Amino acid sequence: MIEFDNVTMRYGDLTVLDRLSLSIAERRVAVVGANGSGKSTFARLLNGLIAPTDGTVRIDGLSTTADARAVRRKVGFVFQNPDNQIVYPLVEEDIAFGLKNLKLPKAEIAARVDAVLARYGMEHLRQRSAHLLSGGQKQMLAISSVLVMEPAYVVFDEPTTLLDLRNKRRVAKAIADLPQVAVVISHDLEFLDDFERVLVFEGGRIVCDDVPAKALPFYRDLMAAEPGDDV
């Protein structure tokens, strides 16, 4: 379970998240909001990429600050731009990178890499240059490099923003098929209808927390409203 206990996040005089308390146990949770609403900060708090100014974030009872290393083993993070997380020049080397850091046996590393390449039909890309892949292929490589670590939770920060329609659908299917808990930050509302829960952020707070059929119309109305209008 993911738990936020009275979490505030400040950068200098700017409050980005304001006294946020919630728990997440659902398998598919979407996070939506305007730019600057706090959703990306929320995402980075989930695996300890940043630490809260006040309050506590826990993953299965582990504090993201006191137990940061254990939390990062539990929570994988897929960045919006896959170029930001591609490390090695070849596809199979990039997927194996995290496993080698864990000092796993070579046979287990090879088996896990083979399995994730087969899972996403990427065997033919094994020896390809990672940085010369198409945008969709890079995103699937980034996802594969996270999933090969077998995290319990996966956070996706705008996973479809840079993709065409075909690759958006491919990434959406990959997320839908995951056995892990997935928290997806997105402006792309089309593939959120089947999620279990949607959190709507505005001004560093959650202003709606509901099923997609209620939360997504609320968010559309919020975005359509003129500043100062009541929603």
C-alpha atoms as a PDB file:
ATOM      1  CA  MET A   1       0.000   0.000   0.000  1.00  0.00           C
ATOM      2  CA  ILE A   2       1.082   3.568  -0.750  1.00  0.00           C
ATOM      3  CA  GLU A   3       0.465   6.034   2.096  1.00  0.00           C
ATOM      4  CA  PHE A   4       0.869   9.803   2.261  1.00  0.00           C
ATOM      5  CA  ASP A   5       0.619  11.163   5.798  1.00  0.00           C
ATOM      6  CA  ASN A   6       0.176  14.954   5.927  1.00  0.00           C
ATOM      7  CA  VAL A   7       2.790  15.476   3.189  1.00  0.00           C
ATOM      8  CA  THR A   8       3.866  18.978   2.236  1.00  0.00           C
ATOM      9  CA  MET A   9       6.450  19.796  -0.420  1.00  0.00           C
ATOM     10  CA  ARG A  10       8.012  23.243  -0.672  1.00  0.00           C
ATOM     11  CA  TYR A  11      10.676  24.743  -2.885  1.00  0.00           C
ATOM     12  CA  GLY A  12      11.723  27.897  -1.097  1.00  0.00           C
ATOM     13  CA  ASP A  13       8.567  29.967  -0.620  1.00  0.00           C
ATOM     14  CA  LEU A  14       6.611  27.906  -3.167  1.00  0.00           C
ATOM     15  CA  THR A  15       4.312  25.208  -1.751  1.00  0.00           C
ATOM     16  CA  VAL A  16       3.925  22.512  -4.421  1.00  0.00           C
ATOM     17  CA  LEU A  17       1.977  19.990  -2.323  1.00  0.00           C
ATOM     18  CA  ASP A  18      -0.066  21.057   0.677  1.00  0.00           C
ATOM     19  CA  ARG A  19      -0.801  18.652   3.577  1.00  0.00           C
ATOM     20  CA  LEU A  20      -1.601  15.671   1.394  1.00  0.00           C
ATOM     21  CA  SER A  21      -2.983  12.543   3.102  1.00  0.00           C
ATOM     22  CA  LEU A  22      -4.219   9.483   1.219  1.00  0.00           C
ATOM     23  CA  SER A  23      -3.644   5.786   0.717  1.00  0.00           C
ATOM     24  CA  ILE A  24      -3.527   3.841  -2.544  1.00  0.00           C
ATOM     25  CA  ALA A  25      -4.279   0.137  -2.749  1.00  0.00           C
ATOM     26  CA  GLU A  26      -5.941  -0.037  -6.166  1.00  0.00           C
ATOM     27  CA  ARG A  27      -4.147  -1.694  -9.087  1.00  0.00           C
ATOM     28  CA  ARG A  28      -4.598   1.150 -11.596  1.00  0.00           C
ATOM     29  CA  VAL A  29      -4.548   4.768 -10.417  1.00  0.00           C
ATOM     30  CA  ALA A  30      -4.365   7.801 -12.694  1.00  0.00           C
ATOM     31  CA  VAL A  31      -3.168  11.250 -11.689  1.00  0.00           C
ATOM     32  CA  VAL A  32      -4.294  14.257 -13.726  1.00  0.00           C
ATOM     33  CA  GLY A  33      -3.921  18.010 -13.366  1.00  0.00           C
ATOM     34  CA  ALA A  34      -2.726  21.145 -15.074  1.00  0.00           C
ATOM     35  CA  ASN A  35       0.965  21.942 -15.386  1.00  0.00           C
ATOM     36  CA  GLY A  36       2.209  23.077 -11.989  1.00  0.00           C
ATOM     37  CA  SER A  37      -0.636  21.421 -10.081  1.00  0.00           C
ATOM     38  CA  GLY A  38       1.716  19.130  -8.117  1.00  0.00           C
ATOM     39  CA  LYS A  39       1.203  15.826  -9.898  1.00  0.00           C
ATOM     40  CA  SER A  40       4.806  15.327 -11.061  1.00  0.00           C
ATOM     41  CA  THR A  41       6.090  16.142  -7.585  1.00  0.00           C
ATOM     42  CA  PHE A  42       3.624  13.598  -6.227  1.00  0.00           C
ATOM     43  CA  ALA A  43       5.031  11.008  -8.648  1.00  0.00           C
ATOM     44  CA  ARG A  44       8.643  11.639  -7.630  1.00  0.00           C
ATOM     45  CA  LEU A  45       7.794  11.304  -3.959  1.00  0.00           C
ATOM     46  CA  LEU A  46       6.550   7.767  -4.559  1.00  0.00           C
ATOM     47  CA  ASN A  47       9.961   6.177  -4.914  1.00  0.00           C
ATOM     48  CA  GLY A  48      12.097   8.650  -3.035  1.00  0.00           C
ATOM     49  CA  LEU A  49      13.436  10.602  -6.006  1.00  0.00           C
ATOM     50  CA  ILE A  50      12.676  13.576  -3.767  1.00  0.00           C
ATOM     51  CA  ALA A  51      11.924  13.759  -0.047  1.00  0.00           C
ATOM     52  CA  PRO A  52       8.929  15.605   1.439  1.00  0.00           C
ATOM     53  CA  THR A  53       9.491  18.842   3.305  1.00  0.00           C
ATOM     54  CA  ASP A  54       7.032  17.688   5.972  1.00  0.00           C
ATOM     55  CA  GLY A  55       5.090  14.497   6.528  1.00  0.00           C
ATOM     56  CA  THR A  56       5.823  10.914   5.540  1.00  0.00           C
ATOM     57  CA  VAL A  57       5.455   8.793   2.414  1.00  0.00           C
ATOM     58  CA  ARG A  58       5.359   5.027   3.003  1.00  0.00           C
ATOM     59  CA  ILE A  59       5.412   2.102   0.598  1.00  0.00           C
ATOM     60  CA  ASP A  60       4.253  -1.117   2.266  1.00  0.00           C
ATOM     61  CA  GLY A  61       5.186   0.454   5.581  1.00  0.00           C
ATOM     62  CA  LEU A  62       8.650   1.571   4.445  1.00  0.00           C
ATOM     63  CA  SER A  63       9.516   5.270   4.631  1.00  0.00           C
ATOM     64  CA  THR A  64      10.783   6.737   1.362  1.00  0.00           C
ATOM     65  CA  THR A  65      13.382   8.693   3.345  1.00  0.00           C
ATOM     66  CA  ALA A  66      14.468   6.295   6.110  1.00  0.00           C
ATOM     67  CA  ASP A  67      14.240   3.199   3.901  1.00  0.00           C
ATOM     68  CA  ALA A  68      15.049   4.792   0.542  1.00  0.00           C
ATOM     69  CA  ARG A  69      17.052   1.902  -0.930  1.00  0.00           C
ATOM     70  CA  ALA A  70      14.386  -0.693  -0.102  1.00  0.00           C
ATOM     71  CA  VAL A  71      11.658   1.583  -1.476  1.00  0.00           C
ATOM     72  CA  ARG A  72      13.476   2.011  -4.796  1.00  0.00           C
ATOM     73  CA  ARG A  73      13.597  -1.761  -5.120  1.00  0.00           C
ATOM     74  CA  LYS A  74       9.816  -1.823  -4.710  1.00  0.00           C
ATOM     75  CA  VAL A  75       8.885   1.161  -6.885  1.00  0.00           C
ATOM     76  CA  GLY A  76       9.958   1.448 -10.514  1.00  0.00           C
ATOM     77  CA  PHE A  77       9.789   4.807 -12.298  1.00  0.00           C
ATOM     78  CA  VAL A  78       9.298   5.360 -16.042  1.00  0.00           C
ATOM     79  CA  PHE A  79      10.150   8.917 -17.075  1.00  0.00           C
ATOM     80  CA  GLN A  80       8.247  10.945 -19.666  1.00  0.00           C
ATOM     81  CA  ASN A  81      11.263  11.103 -21.985  1.00  0.00           C
ATOM     82  CA  PRO A  82      12.911   7.667 -22.313  1.00  0.00           C
ATOM     83  CA  ASP A  83      16.204   9.281 -23.344  1.00  0.00           C
ATOM     84  CA  ASN A  84      16.501  10.412 -19.733  1.00  0.00           C
ATOM     85  CA  GLN A  85      16.795   6.824 -18.511  1.00  0.00           C
ATOM     86  CA  ILE A  86      18.565   5.001 -21.336  1.00  0.00           C
ATOM     87  CA  VAL A  87      22.080   4.402 -20.030  1.00  0.00           C
ATOM     88  CA  TYR A  88      23.865   1.875 -22.246  1.00  0.00           C
ATOM     89  CA  PRO A  89      24.369   1.909 -26.026  1.00  0.00           C
ATOM     90  CA  LEU A  90      22.799  -1.484 -26.822  1.00  0.00           C
ATOM     91  CA  VAL A  91      19.238  -2.539 -25.993  1.00  0.00           C
ATOM     92  CA  GLU A  92      20.123  -5.730 -24.110  1.00  0.00           C
ATOM     93  CA  GLU A  93      22.873  -3.951 -22.162  1.00  0.00           C
ATOM     94  CA  ASP A  94      20.468  -1.237 -21.071  1.00  0.00           C
ATOM     95  CA  ILE A  95      17.895  -3.751 -19.858  1.00  0.00           C
ATOM     96  CA  ALA A  96      20.559  -5.692 -17.949  1.00  0.00           C
ATOM     97  CA  PHE A  97      22.057  -2.589 -16.288  1.00  0.00           C
ATOM     98  CA  GLY A  98      19.930  -2.570 -13.127  1.00  0.00           C
ATOM     99  CA  LEU A  99      20.195  -6.337 -12.686  1.00  0.00           C
ATOM    100  CA  LYS A 100      23.995  -6.158 -12.809  1.00  0.00           C
ATOM    101  CA  ASN A 101      23.925  -3.519 -10.083  1.00  0.00           C
ATOM    102  CA  LEU A 102      22.085  -6.060  -7.925  1.00  0.00           C
ATOM    103  CA  LYS A 103      24.947  -8.504  -8.606  1.00  0.00           C
ATOM    104  CA  LEU A 104      22.573 -11.231  -9.715  1.00  0.00           C
ATOM    105  CA  PRO A 105      24.001 -14.408 -11.283  1.00  0.00           C
ATOM    106  CA  LYS A 106      24.727 -14.078 -15.002  1.00  0.00           C
ATOM    107  CA  ALA A 107      22.287 -16.857 -15.844  1.00  0.00           C
ATOM    108  CA  GLU A 108      19.440 -15.102 -14.024  1.00  0.00           C
ATOM    109  CA  ILE A 109      20.259 -11.786 -15.690  1.00  0.00           C
ATOM    110  CA  ALA A 110      20.223 -13.410 -19.127  1.00  0.00           C
ATOM    111  CA  ALA A 111      16.934 -15.205 -18.395  1.00  0.00           C
ATOM    112  CA  ARG A 112      15.214 -12.027 -17.203  1.00  0.00           C
ATOM    113  CA  VAL A 113      16.447 -10.009 -20.189  1.00  0.00           C
ATOM    114  CA  ASP A 114      15.302 -12.743 -22.596  1.00  0.00           C
ATOM    115  CA  ALA A 115      11.887 -12.883 -20.921  1.00  0.00           C
ATOM    116  CA  VAL A 116      11.184  -9.146 -21.071  1.00  0.00           C
ATOM    117  CA  LEU A 117      12.376  -8.893 -24.687  1.00  0.00           C
ATOM    118  CA  ALA A 118      10.049 -11.736 -25.631  1.00  0.00           C
ATOM    119  CA  ARG A 119       7.186 -10.262 -23.627  1.00  0.00           C
ATOM    120  CA  TYR A 120       7.175  -7.111 -25.754  1.00  0.00           C
ATOM    121  CA  GLY A 121       8.268  -8.623 -29.066  1.00  0.00           C
ATOM    122  CA  MET A 122      11.640  -6.877 -28.960  1.00  0.00           C
ATOM    123  CA  GLU A 123      13.993  -9.832 -29.513  1.00  0.00           C
ATOM    124  CA  HIS A 124      15.025  -8.460 -32.908  1.00  0.00           C
ATOM    125  CA  LEU A 125      16.155  -5.220 -31.235  1.00  0.00           C
ATOM    126  CA  ARG A 126      18.523  -6.934 -28.807  1.00  0.00           C
ATOM    127  CA  GLN A 127      21.731  -5.724 -30.500  1.00  0.00           C
ATOM    128  CA  ARG A 128      20.336  -2.436 -31.799  1.00  0.00           C
ATOM    129  CA  SER A 129      21.634   0.933 -30.697  1.00  0.00           C
ATOM    130  CA  ALA A 130      19.272   2.105 -27.955  1.00  0.00           C
ATOM    131  CA  HIS A 131      19.552   5.779 -28.896  1.00  0.00           C
ATOM    132  CA  LEU A 132      18.712   5.085 -32.561  1.00  0.00           C
ATOM    133  CA  LEU A 133      15.379   3.413 -31.825  1.00  0.00           C
ATOM    134  CA  SER A 134      12.067   5.029 -32.747  1.00  0.00           C
ATOM    135  CA  GLY A 135      10.176   6.950 -30.071  1.00  0.00           C
ATOM    136  CA  GLY A 136       7.818   4.049 -29.420  1.00  0.00           C
ATOM    137  CA  GLN A 137      10.659   1.540 -29.245  1.00  0.00           C
ATOM    138  CA  LYS A 138      12.549   3.757 -26.790  1.00  0.00           C
ATOM    139  CA  GLN A 139       9.513   3.985 -24.540  1.00  0.00           C
ATOM    140  CA  MET A 140       9.097   0.211 -24.559  1.00  0.00           C
ATOM    141  CA  LEU A 141      12.819  -0.145 -23.787  1.00  0.00           C
ATOM    142  CA  ALA A 142      12.437   2.216 -20.824  1.00  0.00           C
ATOM    143  CA  ILE A 143       9.438   0.218 -19.587  1.00  0.00           C
ATOM    144  CA  SER A 144      11.307  -3.068 -20.086  1.00  0.00           C
ATOM    145  CA  SER A 145      14.332  -1.790 -18.170  1.00  0.00           C
ATOM    146  CA  VAL A 146      12.066  -1.022 -15.207  1.00  0.00           C
ATOM    147  CA  LEU A 147       9.954  -4.184 -15.344  1.00  0.00           C
ATOM    148  CA  VAL A 148      12.963  -6.500 -15.574  1.00  0.00           C
ATOM    149  CA  MET A 149      13.720  -5.400 -11.982  1.00  0.00           C
ATOM    150  CA  GLU A 150      10.373  -6.911 -10.910  1.00  0.00           C
ATOM    151  CA  PRO A 151       9.120  -3.983  -8.802  1.00  0.00           C
ATOM    152  CA  ALA A 152       5.851  -4.237  -6.889  1.00  0.00           C
ATOM    153  CA  TYR A 153       4.765  -0.764  -8.040  1.00  0.00           C
ATOM    154  CA  VAL A 154       5.433   1.136 -11.259  1.00  0.00           C
ATOM    155  CA  VAL A 155       5.048   4.916 -11.639  1.00  0.00           C
ATOM    156  CA  PHE A 156       4.634   6.297 -15.160  1.00  0.00           C
ATOM    157  CA  ASP A 157       5.194  10.024 -15.711  1.00  0.00           C
ATOM    158  CA  GLU A 158       3.375  11.044 -18.922  1.00  0.00           C
ATOM    159  CA  PRO A 159       4.207   7.763 -20.728  1.00  0.00           C
ATOM    160  CA  THR A 160       2.325   8.565 -23.965  1.00  0.00           C
ATOM    161  CA  THR A 161       3.035  12.294 -24.426  1.00  0.00           C
ATOM    162  CA  LEU A 162       5.774  11.907 -27.057  1.00  0.00           C
ATOM    163  CA  LEU A 163       4.133   9.045 -28.983  1.00  0.00           C
ATOM    164  CA  ASP A 164       1.950   8.642 -32.054  1.00  0.00           C
ATOM    165  CA  LEU A 165      -1.446   6.917 -31.775  1.00  0.00           C
ATOM    166  CA  ARG A 166      -0.173   3.405 -32.549  1.00  0.00           C
ATOM    167  CA  ASN A 167       2.541   3.577 -29.929  1.00  0.00           C
ATOM    168  CA  LYS A 168       0.217   5.208 -27.415  1.00  0.00           C
ATOM    169  CA  ARG A 169      -2.022   2.169 -27.744  1.00  0.00           C
ATOM    170  CA  ARG A 170       0.940  -0.158 -27.371  1.00  0.00           C
ATOM    171  CA  VAL A 171       2.082   1.532 -24.169  1.00  0.00           C
ATOM    172  CA  ALA A 172      -1.489   1.665 -22.837  1.00  0.00           C
ATOM    173  CA  LYS A 173      -1.849  -2.086 -23.397  1.00  0.00           C
ATOM    174  CA  ALA A 174       1.471  -2.742 -21.689  1.00  0.00           C
ATOM    175  CA  ILE A 175       0.279  -0.804 -18.647  1.00  0.00           C
ATOM    176  CA  ALA A 176      -3.132  -2.503 -18.662  1.00  0.00           C
ATOM    177  CA  ASP A 177      -1.515  -5.949 -18.712  1.00  0.00           C
ATOM    178  CA  LEU A 178       0.861  -5.336 -15.805  1.00  0.00           C
ATOM    179  CA  PRO A 179       0.412  -7.504 -12.705  1.00  0.00           C
ATOM    180  CA  GLN A 180       1.938  -4.698 -10.626  1.00  0.00           C
ATOM    181  CA  VAL A 181       0.213  -1.667  -9.150  1.00  0.00           C
ATOM    182  CA  ALA A 182       0.567   1.178 -11.671  1.00  0.00           C
ATOM    183  CA  VAL A 183       0.291   4.895 -10.910  1.00  0.00           C
ATOM    184  CA  VAL A 184       0.062   6.860 -14.152  1.00  0.00           C
ATOM    185  CA  ILE A 185       0.492  10.631 -14.403  1.00  0.00           C
ATOM    186  CA  SER A 186      -1.078  11.751 -17.673  1.00  0.00           C
ATOM    187  CA  HIS A 187      -2.637  14.516 -19.736  1.00  0.00           C
ATOM    188  CA  ASP A 188      -3.869  11.844 -22.165  1.00  0.00           C
ATOM    189  CA  LEU A 189      -7.333  11.051 -20.822  1.00  0.00           C
ATOM    190  CA  GLU A 190      -8.327   8.591 -23.535  1.00  0.00           C
ATOM    191  CA  PHE A 191      -6.766   5.522 -21.981  1.00  0.00           C
ATOM    192  CA  LEU A 192      -7.763   6.256 -18.362  1.00  0.00           C
ATOM    193  CA  ASP A 193     -11.402   5.172 -18.616  1.00  0.00           C
ATOM    194  CA  ASP A 194     -10.668   1.638 -17.386  1.00  0.00           C
ATOM    195  CA  PHE A 195      -8.619   2.715 -14.382  1.00  0.00           C
ATOM    196  CA  GLU A 196      -9.964   2.044 -10.904  1.00  0.00           C
ATOM    197  CA  ARG A 197      -9.312   5.513  -9.507  1.00  0.00           C
ATOM    198  CA  VAL A 198      -8.400   9.009 -10.693  1.00  0.00           C
ATOM    199  CA  LEU A 199      -6.807  11.722  -8.552  1.00  0.00           C
ATOM    200  CA  VAL A 200      -7.314  15.284  -9.805  1.00  0.00           C
ATOM    201  CA  PHE A 201      -4.661  17.745  -8.638  1.00  0.00           C
ATOM    202  CA  GLU A 202      -5.084  21.502  -8.517  1.00  0.00           C
ATOM    203  CA  GLY A 203      -2.931  23.991  -6.613  1.00  0.00           C
ATOM    204  CA  GLY A 204      -1.021  21.286  -4.755  1.00  0.00           C
ATOM    205  CA  ARG A 205      -4.138  19.555  -3.451  1.00  0.00           C
ATOM    206  CA  ILE A 206      -6.386  16.719  -4.574  1.00  0.00           C
ATOM    207  CA  VAL A 207      -9.673  18.338  -5.542  1.00  0.00           C
ATOM    208  CA  CYS A 208     -11.361  15.171  -6.790  1.00  0.00           C
ATOM    209  CA  ASP A 209     -10.707  11.506  -5.964  1.00  0.00           C
ATOM    210  CA  ASP A 210     -13.133   9.163  -7.684  1.00  0.00           C
ATOM    211  CA  VAL A 211     -13.723   6.605 -10.420  1.00  0.00           C
ATOM    212  CA  PRO A 212     -12.945   7.756 -13.998  1.00  0.00           C
ATOM    213  CA  ALA A 213     -16.622   8.205 -14.931  1.00  0.00           C
ATOM    214  CA  LYS A 214     -16.868  10.969 -12.315  1.00  0.00           C
ATOM    215  CA  ALA A 215     -13.315  12.294 -11.951  1.00  0.00           C
ATOM    216  CA  LEU A 216     -12.522  12.779 -15.646  1.00  0.00           C
ATOM    217  CA  PRO A 217     -15.638  14.931 -16.368  1.00  0.00           C
ATOM    218  CA  PHE A 218     -14.805  16.924 -13.229  1.00  0.00           C
ATOM    219  CA  TYR A 219     -11.294  17.513 -14.546  1.00  0.00           C
ATOM    220  CA  ARG A 220     -12.530  18.519 -18.017  1.00  0.00           C
ATOM    221  CA  ASP A 221     -14.903  21.038 -16.424  1.00  0.00           C
ATOM    222  CA  LEU A 222     -12.090  22.323 -14.232  1.00  0.00           C
ATOM    223  CA  MET A 223      -9.852  22.892 -17.246  1.00  0.00           C
ATOM    224  CA  ALA A 224     -12.678  24.575 -19.197  1.00  0.00           C
ATOM    225  CA  ALA A 225     -13.486  27.022 -16.400  1.00  0.00           C
ATOM    226  CA  GLU A 226     -12.178  30.568 -16.529  1.00  0.00           C
ATOM    227  CA  PRO A 227      -9.958  31.665 -13.613  1.00  0.00           C
ATOM    228  CA  GLY A 228     -12.176  32.674 -10.715  1.00  0.00           C
ATOM    229  CA  ASP A 229     -15.161  30.620 -11.884  1.00  0.00           C
ATOM    230  CA  ASP A 230     -16.771  28.198  -9.443  1.00  0.00           C
ATOM    231  CA  VAL A 231     -16.508  24.578 -10.598  1.00  0.00           C
END
